[in-house]
Amino acid sequence: PSHFCLQDLTSITAPVFEFKLNPNQEAAWAKTSTGFLSHRFDAYAGMSFPDADTDHLDNCIAFFLWAFSFDDVSDEGVLQSNPEGVKRGVDISLGVLHHPDAPPPDFSYAAMLHEYVQLYLHQIPTVMDFIVLRRQTIGGPIVEAMVEYSLDLQIPEHVWDHPILDGLSKAAIDIMTWPNDLCSFNKEQSDGDFQNLVFCIMLERDCDLQAAVDILTGML
C-alpha cells in the first residue's frame, strides 16, 4: 500500500507515561551547548529525564551528544580506536555464520545478523521471539543507567535482578521499541530492511500493513 494511518501514540501512553519537561533544561543546556548550538539535544534530554536536577541533566545532555555522534560515526562504518572491540564483534558475528542454529548472541549487531540468517533460512521468528530479540538491539540498559544517574540513584545490582524490576525493565524497553518500529517502518521497508515488529505481525497474523499497524498499536 502507498500509505497507512498511525494513531497518536503519545495519547495512548499518556495515562501511564505522563509527559513531563524538566524545568532545568535551559540551565543545563547552557553548560553543554558549545560546539552543538545547531542541535537541540537538550529538548530530547529534558523529555527523557524530566526529574533530574541541573547538574545531572547537564551530564545527560552530554551523554546524548556523545551517543548520537558515536552512532553517526558507527553508521558510516569508520573504524574507531578500539580494534579489540571490533575484533570481538567480528568473531561473534562469524560465530553466527558458522553456527546458525546456536541461540542468538548477546552482542546486538550479531543478534541482528542472527535474525537475518534465520530469515534467510526461512525460519521467520514469531512475534514473541522477535520481541525478545528486539530488546537486545535498542540500548535499553544504557537508557536505564542514564535514568538512574539523572535521579542521583545508586540502585544495588540485586535490586535490578528482582523479578518485578526485571519485568518493569522489559516493559519499558518494549514501550521504547514498539513505537520506534511503528514510526520507522516506512523508511525501513523502503531500504529493504524487514527487522521490524510490524513485518513479523503481518507474517504471523497473515494480515495487511494497516491491520498489523493497528494490532501493534493496540499492544501498547
C-alpha atoms as a PDB file:
ATOM      1  CA  PRO A   1       0.000   0.000   0.000  1.00  0.00           C
ATOM      2  CA  SER A   2       1.051   3.593  -0.627  1.00  0.00           C
ATOM      3  CA  HIS A   3       0.208   4.712   2.888  1.00  0.00           C
ATOM      4  CA  PHE A   4      -1.079   3.698   6.305  1.00  0.00           C
ATOM      5  CA  CYS A   5      -2.671   5.533   9.223  1.00  0.00           C
ATOM      6  CA  LEU A   6      -0.879   5.853  12.550  1.00  0.00           C
ATOM      7  CA  GLN A   7      -2.685   6.856  15.722  1.00  0.00           C
ATOM      8  CA  ASP A   8      -1.395   9.442  18.202  1.00  0.00           C
ATOM      9  CA  LEU A   9       0.863   7.149  20.222  1.00  0.00           C
ATOM     10  CA  THR A  10       1.506   9.741  22.933  1.00  0.00           C
ATOM     11  CA  SER A  11      -2.198   9.876  23.762  1.00  0.00           C
ATOM     12  CA  ILE A  12      -2.170   6.092  24.222  1.00  0.00           C
ATOM     13  CA  THR A  13       0.833   6.027  26.545  1.00  0.00           C
ATOM     14  CA  ALA A  14      -0.001   9.262  28.429  1.00  0.00           C
ATOM     15  CA  PRO A  15      -2.114   7.604  31.187  1.00  0.00           C
ATOM     16  CA  VAL A  16       0.947   5.580  32.236  1.00  0.00           C
ATOM     17  CA  PHE A  17       3.805   7.767  30.997  1.00  0.00           C
ATOM     18  CA  GLU A  18       2.786  11.332  31.767  1.00  0.00           C
ATOM     19  CA  PHE A  19       4.561  13.893  29.588  1.00  0.00           C
ATOM     20  CA  LYS A  20       6.909  15.982  31.721  1.00  0.00           C
ATOM     21  CA  LEU A  21       9.555  18.534  30.793  1.00  0.00           C
ATOM     22  CA  ASN A  22      12.465  19.288  33.102  1.00  0.00           C
ATOM     23  CA  PRO A  23      12.456  22.961  34.223  1.00  0.00           C
ATOM     24  CA  ASN A  24      16.266  22.827  34.435  1.00  0.00           C
ATOM     25  CA  GLN A  25      16.620  22.069  30.754  1.00  0.00           C
ATOM     26  CA  GLU A  26      17.794  25.520  29.668  1.00  0.00           C
ATOM     27  CA  ALA A  27      20.255  25.936  32.541  1.00  0.00           C
ATOM     28  CA  ALA A  28      21.839  22.557  31.829  1.00  0.00           C
ATOM     29  CA  TRP A  29      21.981  23.232  28.125  1.00  0.00           C
ATOM     30  CA  ALA A  30      23.890  26.466  28.694  1.00  0.00           C
ATOM     31  CA  LYS A  31      26.751  24.385  30.123  1.00  0.00           C
ATOM     32  CA  THR A  32      26.996  21.920  27.240  1.00  0.00           C
ATOM     33  CA  SER A  33      25.896  23.804  24.128  1.00  0.00           C
ATOM     34  CA  THR A  34      29.335  24.914  22.887  1.00  0.00           C
ATOM     35  CA  GLY A  35      30.004  23.256  19.565  1.00  0.00           C
ATOM     36  CA  PHE A  36      26.476  21.876  19.290  1.00  0.00           C
ATOM     37  CA  LEU A  37      24.389  25.042  19.071  1.00  0.00           C
ATOM     38  CA  SER A  38      22.659  23.816  15.925  1.00  0.00           C
ATOM     39  CA  HIS A  39      21.400  20.615  17.582  1.00  0.00           C
ATOM     40  CA  ARG A  40      18.757  20.793  20.321  1.00  0.00           C
ATOM     41  CA  PHE A  41      19.627  17.608  22.167  1.00  0.00           C
ATOM     42  CA  ASP A  42      18.593  19.470  25.312  1.00  0.00           C
ATOM     43  CA  ALA A  43      14.924  19.050  24.391  1.00  0.00           C
ATOM     44  CA  TYR A  44      15.373  15.300  23.986  1.00  0.00           C
ATOM     45  CA  ALA A  45      17.210  15.079  27.309  1.00  0.00           C
ATOM     46  CA  GLY A  46      14.659  17.313  29.024  1.00  0.00           C
ATOM     47  CA  MET A  47      11.853  14.976  27.994  1.00  0.00           C
ATOM     48  CA  SER A  48      13.858  11.817  28.732  1.00  0.00           C
ATOM     49  CA  PHE A  49      14.963  12.851  32.233  1.00  0.00           C
ATOM     50  CA  PRO A  50      12.210  15.232  33.441  1.00  0.00           C
ATOM     51  CA  ASP A  51      13.035  14.905  37.149  1.00  0.00           C
ATOM     52  CA  ALA A  52      16.814  15.435  37.029  1.00  0.00           C
ATOM     53  CA  ASP A  53      18.443  18.476  38.621  1.00  0.00           C
ATOM     54  CA  THR A  54      20.591  20.863  36.565  1.00  0.00           C
ATOM     55  CA  ASP A  55      23.948  19.195  37.228  1.00  0.00           C
ATOM     56  CA  HIS A  56      22.715  15.699  36.419  1.00  0.00           C
ATOM     57  CA  LEU A  57      20.757  16.899  33.384  1.00  0.00           C
ATOM     58  CA  ASP A  58      23.928  18.607  32.165  1.00  0.00           C
ATOM     59  CA  ASN A  59      25.707  15.247  32.038  1.00  0.00           C
ATOM     60  CA  CYS A  60      22.677  13.557  30.473  1.00  0.00           C
ATOM     61  CA  ILE A  61      22.761  16.100  27.631  1.00  0.00           C
ATOM     62  CA  ALA A  62      26.487  15.481  27.227  1.00  0.00           C
ATOM     63  CA  PHE A  63      25.735  11.751  27.035  1.00  0.00           C
ATOM     64  CA  PHE A  64      23.261  12.322  24.202  1.00  0.00           C
ATOM     65  CA  LEU A  65      25.803  14.482  22.361  1.00  0.00           C
ATOM     66  CA  TRP A  66      28.295  11.635  22.592  1.00  0.00           C
ATOM     67  CA  ALA A  67      25.797   8.882  21.846  1.00  0.00           C
ATOM     68  CA  PHE A  68      24.406  10.406  18.663  1.00  0.00           C
ATOM     69  CA  SER A  69      27.834  11.484  17.434  1.00  0.00           C
ATOM     70  CA  PHE A  70      29.179   7.978  18.028  1.00  0.00           C
ATOM     71  CA  ASP A  71      26.111   6.486  16.378  1.00  0.00           C
ATOM     72  CA  ASP A  72      26.666   8.585  13.253  1.00  0.00           C
ATOM     73  CA  VAL A  73      30.298   7.523  13.071  1.00  0.00           C
ATOM     74  CA  SER A  74      29.318   3.882  13.542  1.00  0.00           C
ATOM     75  CA  ASP A  75      26.673   4.158  10.848  1.00  0.00           C
ATOM     76  CA  GLU A  76      29.289   5.459   8.414  1.00  0.00           C
ATOM     77  CA  GLY A  77      31.479   2.469   9.174  1.00  0.00           C
ATOM     78  CA  VAL A  78      34.517   4.440  10.394  1.00  0.00           C
ATOM     79  CA  LEU A  79      36.872   2.306  12.480  1.00  0.00           C
ATOM     80  CA  GLN A  80      37.179   3.686  15.984  1.00  0.00           C
ATOM     81  CA  SER A  81      40.223   3.354  18.274  1.00  0.00           C
ATOM     82  CA  ASN A  82      39.012   0.075  19.698  1.00  0.00           C
ATOM     83  CA  PRO A  83      40.310  -2.712  17.456  1.00  0.00           C
ATOM     84  CA  GLU A  84      39.804  -5.259  20.239  1.00  0.00           C
ATOM     85  CA  GLY A  85      36.113  -4.419  20.438  1.00  0.00           C
ATOM     86  CA  VAL A  86      35.781  -4.540  16.660  1.00  0.00           C
ATOM     87  CA  LYS A  87      37.538  -7.921  16.562  1.00  0.00           C
ATOM     88  CA  ARG A  88      35.250  -9.254  19.275  1.00  0.00           C
ATOM     89  CA  GLY A  89      32.192  -8.140  17.305  1.00  0.00           C
ATOM     90  CA  VAL A  90      33.566  -9.750  14.153  1.00  0.00           C
ATOM     91  CA  ASP A  91      34.322 -13.007  15.975  1.00  0.00           C
ATOM     92  CA  ILE A  92      30.821 -13.166  17.434  1.00  0.00           C
ATOM     93  CA  SER A  93      29.307 -12.383  14.032  1.00  0.00           C
ATOM     94  CA  LEU A  94      31.399 -15.102  12.383  1.00  0.00           C
ATOM     95  CA  GLY A  95      30.142 -17.479  15.055  1.00  0.00           C
ATOM     96  CA  VAL A  96      26.607 -16.735  13.899  1.00  0.00           C
ATOM     97  CA  LEU A  97      27.546 -17.644  10.325  1.00  0.00           C
ATOM     98  CA  HIS A  98      29.385 -20.828  11.329  1.00  0.00           C
ATOM     99  CA  HIS A  99      26.742 -21.954  13.834  1.00  0.00           C
ATOM    100  CA  PRO A 100      23.384 -20.560  12.655  1.00  0.00           C
ATOM    101  CA  ASP A 101      21.423 -22.966  14.863  1.00  0.00           C
ATOM    102  CA  ALA A 102      23.001 -21.651  18.065  1.00  0.00           C
ATOM    103  CA  PRO A 103      20.975 -19.305  20.332  1.00  0.00           C
ATOM    104  CA  PRO A 104      21.053 -15.571  19.484  1.00  0.00           C
ATOM    105  CA  PRO A 105      24.187 -13.875  20.874  1.00  0.00           C
ATOM    106  CA  ASP A 106      24.102 -11.027  23.380  1.00  0.00           C
ATOM    107  CA  PHE A 107      26.093  -8.713  21.075  1.00  0.00           C
ATOM    108  CA  SER A 108      23.363  -6.586  19.499  1.00  0.00           C
ATOM    109  CA  TYR A 109      24.757  -6.343  15.966  1.00  0.00           C
ATOM    110  CA  ALA A 110      25.495 -10.057  15.866  1.00  0.00           C
ATOM    111  CA  ALA A 111      21.974 -10.656  17.183  1.00  0.00           C
ATOM    112  CA  MET A 112      20.609  -8.765  14.187  1.00  0.00           C
ATOM    113  CA  LEU A 113      22.852 -10.848  11.908  1.00  0.00           C
ATOM    114  CA  HIS A 114      21.491 -13.974  13.596  1.00  0.00           C
ATOM    115  CA  GLU A 115      17.974 -12.805  12.815  1.00  0.00           C
ATOM    116  CA  TYR A 116      18.921 -12.155   9.189  1.00  0.00           C
ATOM    117  CA  VAL A 117      20.380 -15.653   8.879  1.00  0.00           C
ATOM    118  CA  GLN A 118      17.200 -17.123  10.305  1.00  0.00           C
ATOM    119  CA  LEU A 119      15.169 -15.149   7.779  1.00  0.00           C
ATOM    120  CA  TYR A 120      17.444 -16.430   5.018  1.00  0.00           C
ATOM    121  CA  LEU A 121      16.871 -19.967   6.249  1.00  0.00           C
ATOM    122  CA  HIS A 122      13.119 -19.310   6.112  1.00  0.00           C
ATOM    123  CA  GLN A 123      12.834 -19.537   9.871  1.00  0.00           C
ATOM    124  CA  ILE A 124      10.793 -16.402  10.424  1.00  0.00           C
ATOM    125  CA  PRO A 125      10.736 -15.578  14.155  1.00  0.00           C
ATOM    126  CA  THR A 126       7.405 -15.467  15.897  1.00  0.00           C
ATOM    127  CA  VAL A 127       6.199 -12.132  17.216  1.00  0.00           C
ATOM    128  CA  MET A 128       7.183 -13.126  20.754  1.00  0.00           C
ATOM    129  CA  ASP A 129      10.618 -14.328  19.657  1.00  0.00           C
ATOM    130  CA  PHE A 130      11.188 -11.077  17.786  1.00  0.00           C
ATOM    131  CA  ILE A 131      10.119  -9.019  20.807  1.00  0.00           C
ATOM    132  CA  VAL A 132      12.699 -10.832  22.942  1.00  0.00           C
ATOM    133  CA  LEU A 133      15.371 -10.341  20.282  1.00  0.00           C
ATOM    134  CA  ARG A 134      14.459  -6.691  19.738  1.00  0.00           C
ATOM    135  CA  ARG A 135      15.018  -5.918  23.418  1.00  0.00           C
ATOM    136  CA  GLN A 136      18.718  -6.547  22.811  1.00  0.00           C
ATOM    137  CA  THR A 137      19.065  -4.039  19.983  1.00  0.00           C
ATOM    138  CA  ILE A 138      17.681  -0.710  21.238  1.00  0.00           C
ATOM    139  CA  GLY A 139      20.154   0.098  24.009  1.00  0.00           C
ATOM    140  CA  GLY A 140      17.652  -0.186  26.835  1.00  0.00           C
ATOM    141  CA  PRO A 141      20.212  -0.872  29.600  1.00  0.00           C
ATOM    142  CA  ILE A 142      22.089   2.311  28.673  1.00  0.00           C
ATOM    143  CA  VAL A 143      18.906   4.371  28.923  1.00  0.00           C
ATOM    144  CA  GLU A 144      18.056   2.759  32.271  1.00  0.00           C
ATOM    145  CA  ALA A 145      21.532   3.588  33.570  1.00  0.00           C
ATOM    146  CA  MET A 146      21.083   7.211  32.478  1.00  0.00           C
ATOM    147  CA  VAL A 147      17.684   7.453  34.178  1.00  0.00           C
ATOM    148  CA  GLU A 148      19.237   6.053  37.359  1.00  0.00           C
ATOM    149  CA  TYR A 149      22.052   8.582  37.132  1.00  0.00           C
ATOM    150  CA  SER A 150      19.738  11.501  36.305  1.00  0.00           C
ATOM    151  CA  LEU A 151      17.843  10.898  39.564  1.00  0.00           C
ATOM    152  CA  ASP A 152      21.107  10.561  41.524  1.00  0.00           C
ATOM    153  CA  LEU A 153      20.258   6.978  42.480  1.00  0.00           C
ATOM    154  CA  GLN A 154      22.571   4.055  43.138  1.00  0.00           C
ATOM    155  CA  ILE A 155      20.369   1.006  42.797  1.00  0.00           C
ATOM    156  CA  PRO A 156      22.094  -2.183  44.043  1.00  0.00           C
ATOM    157  CA  GLU A 157      22.629  -4.898  41.463  1.00  0.00           C
ATOM    158  CA  HIS A 158      20.469  -7.389  43.362  1.00  0.00           C
ATOM    159  CA  VAL A 159      17.546  -4.960  43.107  1.00  0.00           C
ATOM    160  CA  TRP A 160      17.887  -4.853  39.319  1.00  0.00           C
ATOM    161  CA  ASP A 161      17.789  -8.655  39.347  1.00  0.00           C
ATOM    162  CA  HIS A 162      14.463  -8.755  41.201  1.00  0.00           C
ATOM    163  CA  PRO A 163      11.691 -10.279  39.023  1.00  0.00           C
ATOM    164  CA  ILE A 164       9.425  -7.234  39.453  1.00  0.00           C
ATOM    165  CA  LEU A 165      12.080  -4.758  38.358  1.00  0.00           C
ATOM    166  CA  ASP A 166      13.147  -7.099  35.576  1.00  0.00           C
ATOM    167  CA  GLY A 167       9.559  -7.109  34.324  1.00  0.00           C
ATOM    168  CA  LEU A 168       9.364  -3.327  34.560  1.00  0.00           C
ATOM    169  CA  SER A 169      12.610  -3.088  32.618  1.00  0.00           C
ATOM    170  CA  LYS A 170      11.290  -5.286  29.819  1.00  0.00           C
ATOM    171  CA  ALA A 171       8.048  -3.287  29.674  1.00  0.00           C
ATOM    172  CA  ALA A 172       9.975  -0.011  29.496  1.00  0.00           C
ATOM    173  CA  ILE A 173      12.166  -1.316  26.684  1.00  0.00           C
ATOM    174  CA  ASP A 174       9.106  -2.559  24.791  1.00  0.00           C
ATOM    175  CA  ILE A 175       7.411   0.836  25.141  1.00  0.00           C
ATOM    176  CA  MET A 176      10.519   2.374  23.569  1.00  0.00           C
ATOM    177  CA  THR A 177      10.889  -0.254  20.874  1.00  0.00           C
ATOM    178  CA  TRP A 178       7.361  -0.741  19.569  1.00  0.00           C
ATOM    179  CA  PRO A 179       6.633   2.930  18.744  1.00  0.00           C
ATOM    180  CA  ASN A 180      10.069   3.057  17.137  1.00  0.00           C
ATOM    181  CA  ASP A 181       9.127   0.172  14.846  1.00  0.00           C
ATOM    182  CA  LEU A 182       5.805   1.820  14.021  1.00  0.00           C
ATOM    183  CA  CYS A 183       7.339   5.174  13.155  1.00  0.00           C
ATOM    184  CA  SER A 184      10.335   3.790  11.270  1.00  0.00           C
ATOM    185  CA  PHE A 185       8.559   1.046   9.313  1.00  0.00           C
ATOM    186  CA  ASN A 186       8.101   3.072   6.139  1.00  0.00           C
ATOM    187  CA  LYS A 187      11.749   4.087   5.948  1.00  0.00           C
ATOM    188  CA  GLU A 188      12.999   0.612   6.799  1.00  0.00           C
ATOM    189  CA  GLN A 189      10.829  -1.203   4.283  1.00  0.00           C
ATOM    190  CA  SER A 190      11.892   1.256   1.574  1.00  0.00           C
ATOM    191  CA  ASP A 191      15.501   0.322   2.390  1.00  0.00           C
ATOM    192  CA  GLY A 192      14.696  -3.381   2.212  1.00  0.00           C
ATOM    193  CA  ASP A 193      15.134  -3.739   5.978  1.00  0.00           C
ATOM    194  CA  PHE A 194      12.487  -6.011   7.495  1.00  0.00           C
ATOM    195  CA  GLN A 195      13.824  -6.199  11.051  1.00  0.00           C
ATOM    196  CA  ASN A 196      10.615  -4.687  12.313  1.00  0.00           C
ATOM    197  CA  LEU A 197       7.829  -5.936  14.567  1.00  0.00           C
ATOM    198  CA  VAL A 198       5.180  -4.716  12.110  1.00  0.00           C
ATOM    199  CA  PHE A 199       6.573  -7.053   9.462  1.00  0.00           C
ATOM    200  CA  CYS A 200       6.578 -10.001  11.878  1.00  0.00           C
ATOM    201  CA  ILE A 201       2.948  -9.346  12.782  1.00  0.00           C
ATOM    202  CA  MET A 202       1.989  -9.234   9.099  1.00  0.00           C
ATOM    203  CA  LEU A 203       3.556 -12.649   8.560  1.00  0.00           C
ATOM    204  CA  GLU A 204       2.306 -14.323  11.735  1.00  0.00           C
ATOM    205  CA  ARG A 205      -1.226 -12.959  11.506  1.00  0.00           C
ATOM    206  CA  ASP A 206      -1.379 -13.146   7.696  1.00  0.00           C
ATOM    207  CA  CYS A 207      -2.732  -9.599   7.579  1.00  0.00           C
ATOM    208  CA  ASP A 208      -2.123  -6.423   5.601  1.00  0.00           C
ATOM    209  CA  LEU A 209       0.011  -3.484   6.687  1.00  0.00           C
ATOM    210  CA  GLN A 210      -2.761  -1.369   8.215  1.00  0.00           C
ATOM    211  CA  ALA A 211      -4.058  -4.305  10.241  1.00  0.00           C
ATOM    212  CA  ALA A 212      -0.549  -5.030  11.540  1.00  0.00           C
ATOM    213  CA  VAL A 213      -0.063  -1.368  12.476  1.00  0.00           C
ATOM    214  CA  ASP A 214      -3.380  -1.385  14.331  1.00  0.00           C
ATOM    215  CA  ILE A 215      -2.510  -4.639  16.126  1.00  0.00           C
ATOM    216  CA  LEU A 216       0.847  -3.298  17.304  1.00  0.00           C
ATOM    217  CA  THR A 217      -0.748  -0.008  18.342  1.00  0.00           C
ATOM    218  CA  GLY A 218      -3.264  -1.994  20.377  1.00  0.00           C
ATOM    219  CA  MET A 219      -0.424  -3.907  22.036  1.00  0.00           C
ATOM    220  CA  LEU A 220       0.844  -0.635  23.503  1.00  0.00           C
END
